[in-house]
N, C-alpha and C. Protein backbone atom coordinates (compact mmCIF):
# COMPACT_ATOMS: atom_id res chain seq x y z
N MET A 1 -12.75 26.51 -3.90
CA MET A 1 -14.20 26.28 -3.22
C MET A 1 -13.91 24.64 -3.04
N SER A 2 -14.46 24.39 -1.94
CA SER A 2 -13.74 22.59 -1.56
C SER A 2 -15.57 21.90 -1.98
N THR A 3 -15.20 21.04 -2.17
CA THR A 3 -17.06 20.21 -2.91
C THR A 3 -17.83 20.14 -1.77
N PRO A 4 -19.15 19.81 -1.77
CA PRO A 4 -19.55 19.55 -0.56
C PRO A 4 -19.43 18.24 -0.33
N LEU A 5 -19.80 17.78 0.90
CA LEU A 5 -19.40 16.81 1.58
C LEU A 5 -21.48 16.35 1.06
N ARG A 6 -20.90 14.65 0.97
CA ARG A 6 -21.99 14.01 0.14
C ARG A 6 -21.44 12.45 0.36
N LYS A 7 -22.63 11.71 0.50
CA LYS A 7 -22.98 9.83 0.62
C LYS A 7 -22.12 9.94 -0.83
N SER A 8 -21.55 8.45 -0.22
CA SER A 8 -21.08 8.23 -2.07
C SER A 8 -22.17 7.20 -2.26
N ALA A 9 -22.28 7.14 -4.04
CA ALA A 9 -22.85 6.34 -4.71
C ALA A 9 -22.59 5.90 -5.35
N THR A 10 -21.56 5.03 -5.00
CA THR A 10 -20.69 3.68 -5.52
C THR A 10 -20.08 3.02 -4.67
N ASP A 11 -19.76 4.07 -3.34
CA ASP A 11 -18.77 2.95 -2.82
C ASP A 11 -19.84 3.22 -0.79
N ARG A 12 -20.37 2.12 -0.91
CA ARG A 12 -21.40 1.79 0.09
C ARG A 12 -21.68 0.82 0.25
N SER A 13 -21.41 0.81 1.66
CA SER A 13 -22.06 -1.00 1.96
C SER A 13 -23.49 -0.66 3.27
N MET A 14 -23.36 0.57 3.67
CA MET A 14 -25.37 0.66 4.39
C MET A 14 -25.66 1.47 3.58
N GLN A 15 -25.05 3.18 4.23
CA GLN A 15 -25.50 4.48 3.28
C GLN A 15 -25.17 5.15 2.48
N GLY A 16 -23.94 4.71 2.72
CA GLY A 16 -22.39 5.56 1.69
C GLY A 16 -22.07 6.97 2.44
N VAL A 17 -22.39 7.01 3.73
CA VAL A 17 -21.51 7.91 4.39
C VAL A 17 -19.86 7.83 4.85
N CYS A 18 -19.70 6.89 5.00
CA CYS A 18 -18.01 6.28 5.09
C CYS A 18 -17.16 6.05 3.84
N GLY A 19 -17.60 6.09 2.61
CA GLY A 19 -17.60 6.55 1.41
C GLY A 19 -17.48 7.75 1.11
N GLY A 20 -18.47 8.39 1.46
CA GLY A 20 -18.32 9.79 1.08
C GLY A 20 -17.62 10.68 1.72
N LEU A 21 -17.28 10.13 3.23
CA LEU A 21 -15.60 10.77 3.80
C LEU A 21 -14.97 10.41 3.39
N ALA A 22 -14.97 9.52 3.38
CA ALA A 22 -13.13 8.53 2.65
C ALA A 22 -13.12 9.76 1.37
N ALA A 23 -14.12 10.17 0.21
CA ALA A 23 -13.46 10.69 -0.53
C ALA A 23 -13.76 11.78 -0.13
N GLN A 24 -14.23 12.75 0.14
CA GLN A 24 -13.82 14.41 0.79
C GLN A 24 -12.44 14.09 1.63
N PHE A 25 -12.14 13.25 2.04
CA PHE A 25 -10.68 13.38 2.37
C PHE A 25 -9.78 12.78 1.99
N GLY A 26 -9.89 12.61 1.01
CA GLY A 26 -8.34 11.53 -0.33
C GLY A 26 -7.91 10.13 0.61
N ILE A 27 -9.12 9.69 1.15
CA ILE A 27 -8.44 8.80 1.89
C ILE A 27 -9.94 7.52 1.09
N SER A 28 -8.97 5.92 2.04
CA SER A 28 -9.73 4.03 1.52
C SER A 28 -10.99 4.37 2.39
N SER A 29 -11.62 4.15 1.65
CA SER A 29 -12.98 3.93 2.75
C SER A 29 -12.55 2.89 3.64
N LEU A 30 -11.93 2.43 3.39
CA LEU A 30 -11.83 1.03 4.40
C LEU A 30 -11.18 1.64 5.87
N ALA A 31 -10.76 2.39 5.71
CA ALA A 31 -9.84 3.28 6.61
C ALA A 31 -10.90 4.15 7.58
N VAL A 32 -11.96 4.57 6.94
CA VAL A 32 -12.96 5.52 7.85
C VAL A 32 -13.74 4.20 8.59
N ARG A 33 -13.73 3.24 7.89
CA ARG A 33 -14.82 1.88 8.82
C ARG A 33 -14.24 1.79 10.23
N LEU A 34 -12.74 1.09 9.38
CA LEU A 34 -11.96 0.87 10.81
C LEU A 34 -12.23 1.79 11.54
N ILE A 35 -12.25 3.30 11.27
CA ILE A 35 -12.24 4.00 12.38
C ILE A 35 -13.62 4.94 13.76
N PHE A 36 -14.36 3.64 12.33
CA PHE A 36 -16.15 3.68 13.02
C PHE A 36 -16.19 2.62 14.45
N ILE A 37 -14.84 1.49 13.96
CA ILE A 37 -15.03 0.53 14.33
C ILE A 37 -14.46 0.47 15.51
N VAL A 38 -13.59 1.22 16.31
CA VAL A 38 -12.80 1.87 16.93
C VAL A 38 -13.26 2.55 17.99
N ILE A 39 -14.07 3.86 17.51
CA ILE A 39 -15.14 4.68 17.86
C ILE A 39 -16.16 3.94 19.48
N PRO A 40 -16.20 3.86 20.54
CA PRO A 40 -17.08 3.35 21.44
C PRO A 40 -18.49 2.51 20.76
N PHE A 41 -18.90 1.94 20.82
CA PHE A 41 -19.95 1.43 20.40
C PHE A 41 -21.70 2.15 20.38
N PRO A 42 -21.69 3.04 21.73
CA PRO A 42 -22.87 4.13 21.38
C PRO A 42 -22.12 4.82 20.99
N VAL A 43 -21.51 5.90 20.47
CA VAL A 43 -20.89 6.80 19.90
C VAL A 43 -20.40 6.82 18.96
N ASN A 44 -20.75 5.61 18.06
CA ASN A 44 -20.12 5.46 16.71
C ASN A 44 -21.86 5.54 15.87
N LEU A 45 -22.66 4.65 16.22
CA LEU A 45 -24.16 4.16 16.20
C LEU A 45 -24.59 5.86 15.43
N ILE A 46 -24.54 6.47 16.76
CA ILE A 46 -25.15 7.92 17.31
C ILE A 46 -24.34 9.19 15.91
N ILE A 47 -23.40 8.73 15.86
CA ILE A 47 -22.39 9.73 14.64
C ILE A 47 -22.80 9.09 13.41
N TYR A 48 -22.64 7.70 13.34
CA TYR A 48 -23.47 7.84 11.19
C TYR A 48 -24.86 7.88 11.80
N MET A 49 -25.19 7.83 12.83
CA MET A 49 -26.67 8.44 12.58
C MET A 49 -26.82 9.35 11.77
N ILE A 50 -26.30 10.75 12.36
CA ILE A 50 -26.51 12.22 12.19
C ILE A 50 -25.63 11.92 10.75
N LEU A 51 -24.56 11.56 10.74
CA LEU A 51 -24.20 11.50 9.12
C LEU A 51 -24.70 11.01 8.01
N ALA A 52 -25.75 10.24 8.44
CA ALA A 52 -26.76 9.30 7.65
C ALA A 52 -27.80 10.46 7.20
N ASN A 53 -28.00 11.06 8.40
CA ASN A 53 -28.62 11.78 8.42
C ASN A 53 -29.07 13.57 7.70
N ALA A 54 -27.74 13.70 7.95
CA ALA A 54 -27.45 15.79 7.11
C ALA A 54 -26.83 15.32 5.84
N MET A 55 -26.03 14.40 5.43
CA MET A 55 -25.41 14.44 4.15
C MET A 55 -25.94 14.12 3.05
N ALA A 56 -25.72 14.89 2.05
CA ALA A 56 -26.64 15.22 0.45
C ALA A 56 -26.45 13.48 0.33
N ASP A 57 -27.52 13.14 -0.68
CA ASP A 57 -27.15 12.04 -1.35
C ASP A 57 -26.08 12.14 -2.77
N ALA A 58 -25.54 12.05 -3.28
CA ALA A 58 -23.86 11.79 -3.97
C ALA A 58 -25.29 11.71 -5.61
N PRO A 59 -25.36 12.87 -7.02
CA PRO A 59 -26.30 12.44 -7.75
C PRO A 59 -25.74 11.14 -8.48
N ARG A 60 -26.71 10.02 -8.25
CA ARG A 60 -26.80 8.71 -9.31
C ARG A 60 -26.30 9.28 -11.12
N THR A 61 -25.29 8.78 -10.74
CA THR A 61 -24.75 8.82 -12.60
C THR A 61 -24.52 7.07 -13.67
N LEU A 62 -25.06 7.47 -14.14
CA LEU A 62 -24.57 5.99 -15.60
C LEU A 62 -23.51 5.25 -15.33
């Protein structure tokens, strides 16, 4: 069973969306952030806002 897509609790710059996507796909969060930079401006902002609202928060650990 696959793990649910969640925001990252530790690897976050703004909302943790890129860190969560990176953890889900097993790649660097820097690579995900660069992909978001390459996508044209209005589209990347809309995608980020949708993911930030749709993704569940990761449980906080000590």
